[in-house]
N, C-alpha and C. Protein backbone atom coordinates (compact mmCIF):
# COMPACT_ATOMS: atom_id res chain seq x y z
N MET A 1 0.87 -1.05 0.05
CA MET A 1 0.02 0.06 -0.06
C MET A 1 0.81 1.25 -0.10
N PHE A 2 2.04 1.28 0.89
CA PHE A 2 2.77 2.47 0.90
C PHE A 2 3.88 2.50 -0.18
N GLY A 3 4.28 3.59 -0.77
CA GLY A 3 5.33 3.56 -2.00
C GLY A 3 6.48 3.01 -1.30
N HIS A 4 6.98 3.49 0.03
CA HIS A 4 7.85 3.29 0.87
C HIS A 4 7.34 2.87 2.17
N ALA A 5 7.47 1.36 2.64
CA ALA A 5 6.80 1.05 3.71
C ALA A 5 7.67 1.73 4.85
N LEU A 6 6.75 2.20 5.88
CA LEU A 6 7.13 2.99 6.91
C LEU A 6 7.43 1.79 8.09
N ARG A 7 8.42 1.81 8.97
CA ARG A 7 8.76 0.85 9.83
C ARG A 7 8.00 1.29 11.10
N TYR A 8 6.91 0.97 11.15
CA TYR A 8 5.98 1.16 12.47
C TYR A 8 6.83 0.51 13.81
N GLU A 9 7.12 -0.73 13.68
CA GLU A 9 7.66 -1.28 14.66
C GLU A 9 8.88 -0.51 15.38
N LEU A 10 9.73 0.27 14.46
CA LEU A 10 10.73 1.12 14.91
C LEU A 10 10.18 2.36 15.70
N LEU A 11 8.94 2.52 15.70
CA LEU A 11 8.38 3.70 16.34
C LEU A 11 8.09 3.35 18.04
N GLY A 12 7.94 2.28 18.26
CA GLY A 12 7.74 1.81 19.78
C GLY A 12 8.59 0.61 20.19
N GLY A 13 8.71 0.32 21.33
CA GLY A 13 9.35 -1.01 21.86
C GLY A 13 9.61 -0.88 23.33
N ALA A 14 10.31 -1.94 23.66
CA ALA A 14 10.86 -2.24 25.12
C ALA A 14 11.91 -1.26 25.30
N ASP A 15 12.78 -1.13 24.64
CA ASP A 15 13.82 -0.25 24.97
C ASP A 15 13.46 1.42 25.26
N LEU A 16 12.52 1.84 24.36
CA LEU A 16 11.77 3.14 24.50
C LEU A 16 10.97 3.27 25.69
N CYS A 17 10.25 2.22 26.17
CA CYS A 17 9.75 2.50 27.21
C CYS A 17 10.43 2.49 28.65
N ALA A 18 11.42 2.08 28.51
CA ALA A 18 12.63 2.02 29.58
C ALA A 18 13.29 3.46 29.76
N THR A 19 13.01 4.17 28.77
CA THR A 19 13.72 5.58 28.68
C THR A 19 12.55 6.76 29.15
N VAL A 20 11.30 6.26 29.16
CA VAL A 20 10.10 7.29 29.39
C VAL A 20 9.74 7.57 30.67
N GLU A 21 9.69 8.62 31.07
CA GLU A 21 9.20 8.87 32.45
C GLU A 21 7.95 8.16 32.77
N GLU A 22 7.57 7.46 33.91
CA GLU A 22 6.32 6.65 34.36
C GLU A 22 5.28 7.41 33.94
N GLU A 23 5.24 8.59 34.20
CA GLU A 23 3.69 9.34 33.95
C GLU A 23 3.61 9.51 32.66
N GLN A 24 4.50 9.31 31.61
CA GLN A 24 4.26 9.69 30.22
C GLN A 24 4.29 8.19 29.53
N VAL A 25 4.03 7.25 30.09
CA VAL A 25 3.95 5.67 29.64
C VAL A 25 2.78 5.73 28.79
N TRP A 26 1.54 6.45 28.97
CA TRP A 26 0.22 6.52 28.50
C TRP A 26 0.35 7.10 27.17
N VAL A 27 1.48 7.86 26.76
CA VAL A 27 1.72 8.27 25.51
C VAL A 27 2.12 7.13 24.57
N LEU A 28 3.05 6.29 25.00
CA LEU A 28 3.55 5.05 24.34
C LEU A 28 2.32 4.33 24.02
N SER A 29 1.48 4.05 24.88
CA SER A 29 0.37 3.17 24.85
C SER A 29 -0.56 3.66 23.61
N ALA A 30 -0.96 4.94 23.64
CA ALA A 30 -1.76 5.50 22.49
C ALA A 30 -0.83 5.44 21.24
N MET A 31 0.57 5.58 21.18
CA MET A 31 1.15 5.42 19.87
C MET A 31 1.07 3.70 19.64
N GLN A 32 1.00 2.99 20.28
CA GLN A 32 0.80 1.55 20.26
C GLN A 32 -0.60 1.00 19.67
N SER A 33 -1.57 1.71 20.28
CA SER A 33 -2.86 1.52 20.10
C SER A 33 -3.43 1.79 18.69
N CYS A 34 -3.01 3.14 18.29
CA CYS A 34 -3.70 3.56 17.18
C CYS A 34 -2.45 4.26 16.04
N GLY A 35 -1.26 3.88 16.30
CA GLY A 35 -0.22 4.21 15.41
C GLY A 35 -0.40 3.86 14.04
N GLN A 36 -0.53 2.52 13.93
CA GLN A 36 -0.69 2.07 12.42
C GLN A 36 -1.86 2.66 11.88
N GLU A 37 -3.02 2.70 12.51
CA GLU A 37 -4.19 3.17 11.54
C GLU A 37 -3.64 4.58 11.45
N LEU A 38 -3.20 5.49 12.31
CA LEU A 38 -3.17 6.84 12.10
C LEU A 38 -2.20 7.04 11.06
N ILE A 39 -1.21 6.19 10.62
CA ILE A 39 -0.04 6.08 9.55
C ILE A 39 -0.84 5.86 8.35
N THR A 40 -1.82 5.02 8.36
CA THR A 40 -2.65 4.85 7.21
C THR A 40 -3.65 6.00 6.90
N LEU A 41 -4.02 6.46 7.80
CA LEU A 41 -5.01 7.71 7.46
C LEU A 41 -3.89 8.94 6.68
N LEU A 42 -2.79 9.12 7.52
CA LEU A 42 -2.32 10.15 6.98
C LEU A 42 -1.42 9.84 5.76
N TRP A 43 -1.13 8.72 5.46
CA TRP A 43 -0.90 8.38 4.20
C TRP A 43 -1.71 8.75 3.04
N ARG A 44 -3.06 8.37 3.43
CA ARG A 44 -3.88 8.39 2.40
C ARG A 44 -4.29 10.19 2.41
N ILE A 45 -4.20 10.96 3.42
CA ILE A 45 -4.30 12.37 3.30
C ILE A 45 -3.45 13.14 2.53
N LEU A 46 -2.00 12.61 2.92
CA LEU A 46 -0.94 13.42 2.35
C LEU A 46 -0.23 12.73 1.14
N GLY A 47 -0.15 11.37 1.15
CA GLY A 47 0.48 10.78 0.03
C GLY A 47 1.82 11.18 0.01
N ASN A 48 2.48 11.27 1.02
CA ASN A 48 4.12 11.71 1.05
C ASN A 48 4.72 11.11 2.36
N GLU A 49 5.48 9.97 2.29
CA GLU A 49 6.00 9.72 3.25
C GLU A 49 6.72 10.68 4.36
N GLN A 50 7.49 11.42 3.91
CA GLN A 50 8.03 12.49 4.88
C GLN A 50 6.87 13.58 5.49
N ASP A 51 6.05 13.62 4.95
CA ASP A 51 4.74 14.46 5.29
C ASP A 51 4.13 13.52 6.45
N VAL A 52 3.84 12.27 5.99
CA VAL A 52 3.23 11.52 7.15
C VAL A 52 4.08 11.40 8.52
N CYS A 53 5.61 11.22 8.14
CA CYS A 53 6.49 10.96 9.44
C CYS A 53 6.23 12.50 10.23
N ASP A 54 6.06 13.52 9.46
CA ASP A 54 6.27 14.92 10.33
C ASP A 54 5.02 15.11 10.93
N VAL A 55 3.73 14.81 10.57
CA VAL A 55 2.68 14.73 10.95
C VAL A 55 2.23 13.77 12.08
N TYR A 56 3.07 12.98 11.86
CA TYR A 56 2.59 11.71 13.10
C TYR A 56 3.75 11.90 14.25
N GLN A 57 4.82 12.65 14.25
CA GLN A 57 5.71 13.21 15.23
C GLN A 57 4.82 14.09 16.03
N SER A 58 4.75 15.13 15.00
CA SER A 58 4.07 16.36 15.58
C SER A 58 2.65 16.03 16.55
N THR A 59 2.07 15.26 15.93
CA THR A 59 0.70 14.59 16.68
C THR A 59 1.06 14.35 18.16
N PHE A 60 2.03 13.09 18.09
CA PHE A 60 2.45 12.81 19.50
C PHE A 60 3.00 13.40 20.45
N LEU A 61 3.63 14.38 19.81
CA LEU A 61 4.31 15.46 20.52
C LEU A 61 3.45 16.51 21.22
N ARG A 62 2.60 16.74 20.48
CA ARG A 62 1.29 17.65 21.09
C ARG A 62 0.58 16.76 22.15
N LEU A 63 0.44 15.64 21.87
CA LEU A 63 -0.16 14.66 22.83
C LEU A 63 0.72 14.69 24.31
N ALA A 64 1.73 14.36 24.11
CA ALA A 64 2.66 14.49 25.08
C ALA A 64 2.84 15.64 26.02
N HIS A 65 2.52 16.75 25.13
CA HIS A 65 2.42 17.95 26.02
C HIS A 65 1.39 18.58 26.39
N PHE A 66 0.26 18.00 26.14
CA PHE A 66 -1.23 18.29 26.33
C PHE A 66 -1.37 18.77 27.68
N GLN A 67 -1.72 20.17 27.71
CA GLN A 67 -1.81 20.66 29.19
C GLN A 67 -0.81 20.23 30.20
N GLY A 68 0.37 20.76 29.76
CA GLY A 68 1.40 20.20 30.43
C GLY A 68 1.80 18.75 30.86
N GLY A 69 1.39 17.99 29.86
CA GLY A 69 1.65 16.37 30.45
C GLY A 69 0.49 15.87 31.01
N GLN A 70 -0.67 16.17 30.78
CA GLN A 70 -1.91 15.72 31.18
C GLN A 70 -2.50 14.77 30.22
N LYS A 71 -2.94 13.76 30.71
CA LYS A 71 -3.78 12.82 29.53
C LYS A 71 -5.34 13.46 29.37
N PRO A 72 -5.46 13.56 28.20
CA PRO A 72 -6.70 14.10 27.70
C PRO A 72 -7.91 13.09 28.07
N GLU A 73 -9.13 13.36 28.05
CA GLU A 73 -9.91 12.50 28.45
C GLU A 73 -10.21 11.31 27.54
N HIS A 74 -10.07 11.96 26.17
CA HIS A 74 -10.58 10.82 24.98
C HIS A 74 -9.06 11.02 24.12
N VAL A 75 -8.15 10.04 24.41
CA VAL A 75 -6.93 9.94 23.76
C VAL A 75 -7.04 9.81 22.45
N LYS A 76 -7.79 8.72 21.88
CA LYS A 76 -7.74 8.29 20.57
C LYS A 76 -8.35 9.55 19.85
N ALA A 77 -9.31 10.21 20.16
CA ALA A 77 -9.98 11.05 19.51
C ALA A 77 -9.00 12.49 19.42
N TYR A 78 -8.52 12.55 20.38
CA TYR A 78 -7.63 13.71 20.61
C TYR A 78 -6.38 13.43 19.34
N VAL A 79 -5.79 12.32 19.39
CA VAL A 79 -4.97 11.81 18.42
C VAL A 79 -5.33 12.17 17.03
N TYR A 80 -6.43 11.55 16.55
CA TYR A 80 -6.95 11.61 15.07
C TYR A 80 -7.40 12.96 14.92
N ARG A 81 -8.04 13.84 15.63
CA ARG A 81 -8.29 15.04 15.32
C ARG A 81 -7.08 15.97 15.27
N THR A 82 -5.99 15.92 16.04
CA THR A 82 -4.89 16.63 15.95
C THR A 82 -4.18 16.20 14.75
N ALA A 83 -4.03 14.93 14.62
CA ALA A 83 -3.36 14.49 13.25
C ALA A 83 -4.18 14.96 11.96
N THR A 84 -5.14 14.96 11.85
CA THR A 84 -6.19 15.38 10.64
C THR A 84 -5.98 16.89 10.67
N ASN A 85 -6.05 17.67 11.61
CA ASN A 85 -5.97 19.17 11.67
C ASN A 85 -4.52 19.50 10.89
N THR A 86 -3.56 18.87 11.47
CA THR A 86 -2.11 18.94 11.16
C THR A 86 -1.90 18.71 9.76
N ALA A 87 -2.57 17.78 9.29
CA ALA A 87 -2.45 17.49 7.97
C ALA A 87 -3.23 18.17 6.86
N ILE A 88 -4.22 18.59 7.43
CA ILE A 88 -5.06 19.63 6.66
C ILE A 88 -4.07 21.17 6.50
N SER A 89 -3.68 21.47 7.60
CA SER A 89 -3.14 22.54 7.52
C SER A 89 -1.81 22.63 6.94
N MET A 90 -1.15 21.60 6.72
CA MET A 90 -0.04 21.36 5.55
C MET A 90 -0.61 21.53 4.18
N LEU A 91 -1.51 20.89 3.94
CA LEU A 91 -2.15 20.65 2.73
C LEU A 91 -2.67 22.44 2.43
N ARG A 92 -3.21 22.92 3.14
CA ARG A 92 -3.59 24.53 2.94
C ARG A 92 -2.45 25.01 2.62
N SER A 93 -1.36 25.08 3.68
CA SER A 93 -0.16 26.11 3.40
C SER A 93 0.31 25.78 1.99
N ARG A 94 0.45 24.31 1.46
CA ARG A 94 1.03 24.12 0.31
C ARG A 94 0.09 24.65 -0.89
N ALA A 95 -1.36 24.57 -0.62
CA ALA A 95 -2.12 24.97 -1.77
C ALA A 95 -1.66 26.39 -1.79
N SER A 96 -1.67 27.30 -0.76
CA SER A 96 -1.41 28.43 -0.69
C SER A 96 -0.22 28.93 -1.24
N GLU A 97 0.66 28.20 -1.29
CA GLU A 97 2.20 28.43 -1.69
C GLU A 97 2.12 28.08 -3.33
N ASN A 98 1.35 27.37 -3.70
CA ASN A 98 1.24 26.72 -5.02
C ASN A 98 0.40 27.88 -6.02
N ARG A 99 -0.59 28.41 -5.23
CA ARG A 99 -1.15 29.59 -5.92
C ARG A 99 -0.49 30.82 -6.23
N ARG A 100 0.65 30.99 -5.08
CA ARG A 100 1.67 32.08 -5.29
C ARG A 100 2.32 32.07 -6.49
N ILE A 101 2.94 30.67 -6.38
CA ILE A 101 4.00 30.51 -7.48
C ILE A 101 3.40 30.48 -8.78
N SER A 102 2.29 30.12 -8.89
CA SER A 102 1.66 29.86 -10.10
C SER A 102 1.54 31.08 -11.09
N ASP A 103 2.13 31.10 -12.26
CA ASP A 103 2.70 32.21 -13.01
C ASP A 103 1.23 32.56 -13.90
N ALA A 104 0.48 31.54 -14.14
CA ALA A 104 -0.48 31.93 -15.20
C ALA A 104 -1.87 32.02 -14.37
N PRO A 105 -2.47 33.23 -14.66
CA PRO A 105 -3.79 33.35 -14.18
C PRO A 105 -5.07 32.31 -14.49
N GLN A 106 -5.94 32.11 -13.59
CA GLN A 106 -6.73 31.12 -13.96
C GLN A 106 -7.51 31.48 -15.28
N GLN A 107 -7.60 32.59 -15.50
CA GLN A 107 -8.73 32.97 -16.51
C GLN A 107 -7.93 32.69 -18.01
N ASP A 108 -6.60 32.65 -17.86
CA ASP A 108 -6.02 32.52 -19.14
C ASP A 108 -5.67 31.09 -19.52
N ARG A 109 -5.97 30.14 -18.74
CA ARG A 109 -5.94 28.97 -18.77
C ARG A 109 -6.94 28.44 -20.03
N VAL A 110 -6.36 27.61 -20.74
CA VAL A 110 -7.37 27.20 -22.03
C VAL A 110 -8.15 26.03 -21.47
N ALA A 111 -9.56 25.91 -21.56
CA ALA A 111 -10.59 24.93 -21.17
C ALA A 111 -10.20 23.87 -22.11
N ALA A 112 -10.08 22.60 -21.41
CA ALA A 112 -9.95 21.42 -22.06
C ALA A 112 -10.89 20.75 -21.34
N SER A 113 -10.93 19.46 -21.87
CA SER A 113 -11.70 18.42 -21.17
C SER A 113 -10.91 18.00 -19.83
N PRO A 114 -11.91 17.48 -18.96
CA PRO A 114 -11.24 16.89 -17.80
C PRO A 114 -10.08 15.81 -17.74
N GLU A 115 -10.34 15.10 -18.93
CA GLU A 115 -9.03 13.91 -19.34
C GLU A 115 -7.87 14.73 -19.81
N GLN A 116 -8.12 15.72 -20.60
CA GLN A 116 -6.79 16.21 -21.19
C GLN A 116 -6.17 17.17 -20.10
N GLU A 117 -7.04 18.30 -19.27
CA GLU A 117 -6.44 19.14 -18.66
C GLU A 117 -5.90 18.31 -17.01
N ILE A 118 -6.51 17.53 -16.61
CA ILE A 118 -6.04 17.08 -15.33
C ILE A 118 -5.65 15.56 -15.23
N SER A 119 -4.22 15.45 -14.87
CA SER A 119 -3.93 14.29 -14.81
C SER A 119 -4.24 13.55 -13.41
N GLN A 120 -4.14 12.40 -13.02
CA GLN A 120 -4.84 11.59 -11.99
C GLN A 120 -3.95 12.34 -10.90
N LYS A 121 -2.84 12.66 -10.99
CA LYS A 121 -2.02 13.32 -9.49
C LYS A 121 -2.61 14.75 -9.48
N GLN A 122 -2.84 15.31 -10.54
CA GLN A 122 -3.39 16.76 -10.27
C GLN A 122 -4.85 16.64 -9.91
N LEU A 123 -5.94 15.67 -10.42
CA LEU A 123 -7.06 15.35 -9.60
C LEU A 123 -7.04 15.02 -8.30
N ILE A 124 -6.17 14.13 -7.91
CA ILE A 124 -5.91 14.06 -6.54
C ILE A 124 -5.70 15.20 -5.54
N ALA A 125 -4.79 15.92 -5.95
CA ALA A 125 -4.49 17.05 -5.18
C ALA A 125 -5.41 18.15 -5.31
N ALA A 126 -6.23 18.34 -6.18
CA ALA A 126 -7.33 19.03 -6.47
C ALA A 126 -8.43 18.43 -5.15
N MET A 127 -8.70 17.31 -5.01
CA MET A 127 -9.84 16.91 -4.30
C MET A 127 -9.17 16.92 -2.82
N ARG A 128 -7.82 16.57 -2.51
CA ARG A 128 -7.20 16.83 -1.25
C ARG A 128 -7.35 18.53 -0.86
N SER A 129 -7.23 19.43 -1.91
CA SER A 129 -7.66 21.05 -1.57
C SER A 129 -8.70 21.06 -1.18
N TYR A 130 -9.82 20.52 -1.89
CA TYR A 130 -11.16 20.74 -1.54
C TYR A 130 -11.35 20.21 -0.36
N ILE A 131 -11.02 19.09 0.19
CA ILE A 131 -11.43 18.38 1.27
C ILE A 131 -11.00 19.35 2.42
N ALA A 132 -9.85 19.93 2.16
CA ALA A 132 -9.06 20.62 3.04
C ALA A 132 -10.10 22.21 3.54
N GLN A 133 -10.48 22.53 2.49
CA GLN A 133 -11.43 23.52 2.83
C GLN A 133 -13.01 23.30 3.21
N LEU A 134 -13.36 22.11 3.38
CA LEU A 134 -14.43 21.82 3.84
C LEU A 134 -14.60 22.49 5.19
N PRO A 135 -15.82 22.72 5.91
CA PRO A 135 -15.93 22.90 7.24
C PRO A 135 -15.66 21.74 8.11
N GLU A 136 -15.04 22.09 9.24
CA GLU A 136 -14.33 20.95 10.03
C GLU A 136 -15.27 19.77 10.18
N HIS A 137 -16.76 20.24 10.67
CA HIS A 137 -17.40 19.04 11.00
C HIS A 137 -17.44 17.84 9.90
N LEU A 138 -17.58 18.54 8.75
CA LEU A 138 -17.52 17.67 7.38
C LEU A 138 -16.44 16.87 6.97
N ARG A 139 -15.45 17.76 7.16
CA ARG A 139 -13.86 17.29 6.48
C ARG A 139 -13.58 16.31 7.56
N ASN A 140 -13.86 16.26 8.79
CA ASN A 140 -13.46 15.04 9.76
C ASN A 140 -14.12 13.94 9.58
N VAL A 141 -15.35 14.02 8.99
CA VAL A 141 -16.21 12.91 8.81
C VAL A 141 -15.54 12.27 7.46
N VAL A 142 -15.62 13.16 6.55
CA VAL A 142 -15.04 12.66 4.94
C VAL A 142 -13.59 12.21 5.27
N THR A 143 -12.75 12.56 5.91
CA THR A 143 -11.35 12.10 6.20
C THR A 143 -11.42 10.56 6.89
N LEU A 144 -12.19 10.45 7.94
CA LEU A 144 -12.32 9.40 8.72
C LEU A 144 -12.94 8.02 7.75
N ARG A 145 -13.85 8.79 6.84
CA ARG A 145 -14.71 7.58 6.34
C ARG A 145 -14.10 6.94 4.98
N ASP A 146 -13.81 8.15 4.09
CA ASP A 146 -13.39 7.76 2.97
C ASP A 146 -11.83 7.84 2.65
N LEU A 147 -11.04 8.40 3.52
CA LEU A 147 -9.25 8.20 3.54
C LEU A 147 -9.10 7.02 4.49
N ALA A 148 -9.55 7.17 5.88
CA ALA A 148 -9.09 5.97 6.84
C ALA A 148 -10.01 4.75 6.72
N GLU A 149 -11.11 4.82 5.98
CA GLU A 149 -12.00 3.81 5.80
C GLU A 149 -12.45 3.19 7.11
N LEU A 150 -12.85 4.02 8.01
CA LEU A 150 -13.53 3.71 9.24
C LEU A 150 -15.11 3.50 8.90
N SER A 151 -15.75 2.79 10.03
CA SER A 151 -17.00 2.54 9.51
C SER A 151 -17.73 3.72 10.41
N TYR A 152 -19.01 4.06 10.23
CA TYR A 152 -19.76 5.14 10.70
C TYR A 152 -19.73 5.05 12.33
N GLY A 153 -19.89 3.53 13.02
CA GLY A 153 -19.68 3.45 14.09
C GLY A 153 -18.49 3.96 15.05
N GLN A 154 -17.25 3.67 14.32
CA GLN A 154 -16.03 4.00 14.55
C GLN A 154 -16.01 5.49 14.61
N ILE A 155 -16.40 6.07 13.57
CA ILE A 155 -16.33 7.48 13.52
C ILE A 155 -16.98 8.31 14.43
N SER A 156 -18.29 7.77 14.58
CA SER A 156 -19.23 8.31 15.81
C SER A 156 -18.43 8.23 17.20
N LYS A 157 -17.87 7.38 17.23
CA LYS A 157 -16.71 7.19 18.69
C LYS A 157 -15.78 7.98 18.77
N ILE A 158 -15.26 8.35 17.61
CA ILE A 158 -13.84 9.19 17.57
C ILE A 158 -14.28 10.61 17.71
N LEU A 159 -15.51 11.15 17.02
CA LEU A 159 -15.95 12.42 16.93
C LEU A 159 -16.94 12.76 18.00
N GLY A 160 -17.68 11.82 18.74
CA GLY A 160 -18.70 12.04 19.73
C GLY A 160 -19.96 12.43 19.13
N ILE A 161 -20.33 11.84 17.89
CA ILE A 161 -21.31 12.13 17.20
C ILE A 161 -22.01 10.79 17.02
N THR A 162 -23.14 10.78 16.66
CA THR A 162 -23.92 9.32 16.20
C THR A 162 -23.74 8.86 14.75
N ALA A 163 -23.83 8.01 14.80
CA ALA A 163 -23.58 7.36 13.22
C ALA A 163 -24.44 7.96 12.24
N GLY A 164 -25.73 8.22 12.60
CA GLY A 164 -26.80 8.66 11.66
C GLY A 164 -26.04 10.18 11.14
N THR A 165 -25.72 10.97 12.28
CA THR A 165 -25.20 12.38 12.22
C THR A 165 -23.82 12.13 11.01
N ALA A 166 -22.92 11.31 11.34
CA ALA A 166 -21.85 11.15 10.41
C ALA A 166 -22.42 10.81 9.18
N ARG A 167 -23.40 10.01 8.81
CA ARG A 167 -23.79 9.65 7.61
C ARG A 167 -24.19 11.05 7.12
N VAL A 168 -25.15 11.69 7.53
CA VAL A 168 -25.65 12.86 7.04
C VAL A 168 -24.50 14.18 6.76
N TYR A 169 -23.46 14.16 7.62
CA TYR A 169 -22.09 15.03 7.53
C TYR A 169 -21.67 14.68 6.00
N ARG A 170 -21.23 13.36 5.98
CA ARG A 170 -20.52 12.72 4.92
C ARG A 170 -21.62 13.16 3.46
N CYS A 171 -22.76 12.87 3.67
CA CYS A 171 -23.65 13.29 2.25
C CYS A 171 -23.58 14.55 2.10
N LYS A 172 -23.42 15.74 2.84
CA LYS A 172 -23.64 16.95 2.81
C LYS A 172 -21.97 17.35 2.16
N ALA A 173 -20.93 16.67 2.70
CA ALA A 173 -19.76 17.01 2.17
C ALA A 173 -19.57 16.43 0.70
N ILE A 174 -20.18 15.28 0.34
CA ILE A 174 -19.67 14.69 -0.85
C ILE A 174 -20.53 15.78 -1.94
N ALA A 175 -21.60 16.02 -1.50
CA ALA A 175 -22.38 17.22 -2.66
C ALA A 175 -21.41 18.36 -2.83
N LEU A 176 -21.09 18.85 -1.76
CA LEU A 176 -20.33 20.03 -1.65
C LEU A 176 -19.07 19.87 -2.49
N LEU A 177 -18.45 18.92 -2.31
CA LEU A 177 -17.08 18.45 -3.22
C LEU A 177 -17.64 18.40 -4.77
N GLY A 178 -18.67 17.86 -4.85
CA GLY A 178 -19.05 17.66 -6.36
C GLY A 178 -19.57 18.87 -7.05
N ALA A 179 -19.88 19.86 -6.24
CA ALA A 179 -20.45 21.12 -6.80
C ALA A 179 -19.12 21.77 -7.07
N TRP A 180 -18.24 21.96 -5.97
CA TRP A 180 -16.75 22.43 -6.19
C TRP A 180 -16.04 21.74 -7.33
N MET A 181 -15.96 20.53 -7.55
CA MET A 181 -15.35 19.92 -8.68
C MET A 181 -16.11 20.41 -10.03
N SER A 182 -17.28 20.25 -10.15
CA SER A 182 -18.36 20.51 -11.26
C SER A 182 -17.82 22.24 -11.68
N THR A 183 -17.79 23.04 -10.50
CA THR A 183 -17.44 24.35 -10.87
C THR A 183 -16.06 24.47 -11.66
N GLU A 184 -15.09 23.70 -11.12
CA GLU A 184 -14.01 23.72 -11.28
C GLU A 184 -13.47 23.42 -12.91
N ASN A 185 -14.40 22.24 -13.15
CA ASN A 185 -14.06 21.71 -14.73
C ASN A 185 -14.86 22.42 -15.77
N GLY A 186 -15.75 23.43 -15.15
CA GLY A 186 -16.56 24.17 -16.52
C GLY A 186 -18.08 24.01 -16.55
N THR A 187 -18.44 22.75 -15.76
CA THR A 187 -19.84 22.33 -15.76
C THR A 187 -20.61 22.56 -14.68
N THR A 188 -22.00 22.98 -14.85
CA THR A 188 -22.83 23.13 -13.94
C THR A 188 -23.79 22.12 -13.71
N SER A 189 -24.24 21.89 -12.64
CA SER A 189 -25.03 21.09 -11.68
C SER A 189 -26.40 21.75 -11.62
N GLU A 190 -27.47 21.13 -12.33
CA GLU A 190 -28.66 21.49 -12.14
C GLU A 190 -29.59 20.54 -11.45
């Protein structure tokens, strides 16, 4: 699944547990319990091994320093939310940078069919950019459902909402993404 396999087993272990202060062992436990799923989620959002590693590290550093080293009430939800928000922020800053670098204004581009205009990588980048622009509650559900491939039941536990609410949020997000994509491609939905 990964272009370059991440060595998750190197991220934790007995030697590491011996060097951690006793009151921070829960951080290692969180890394072991949701680390591999988090890496999968981040890989699907970011698509780049270095970015995945950066966000993973940042997430668990934030967890370790949460309110002076205190354990959050819902560790797994905190980890997923922090990682997702960090990844989305990374995508937003890249999109902003790409817009500044772009030398051709949007109006001057020649309209072409979607197959000719957008390669598969560009389409994925555009979709990631649009997902990053969704309101947080919609973005979280789409990220967990479509990128992490979690069930609505798992999503409801992580986000603290009902499974039905998660379904409604995903439906709204898909409709909004579809409208944005059709606007970008020069088509209108009626």
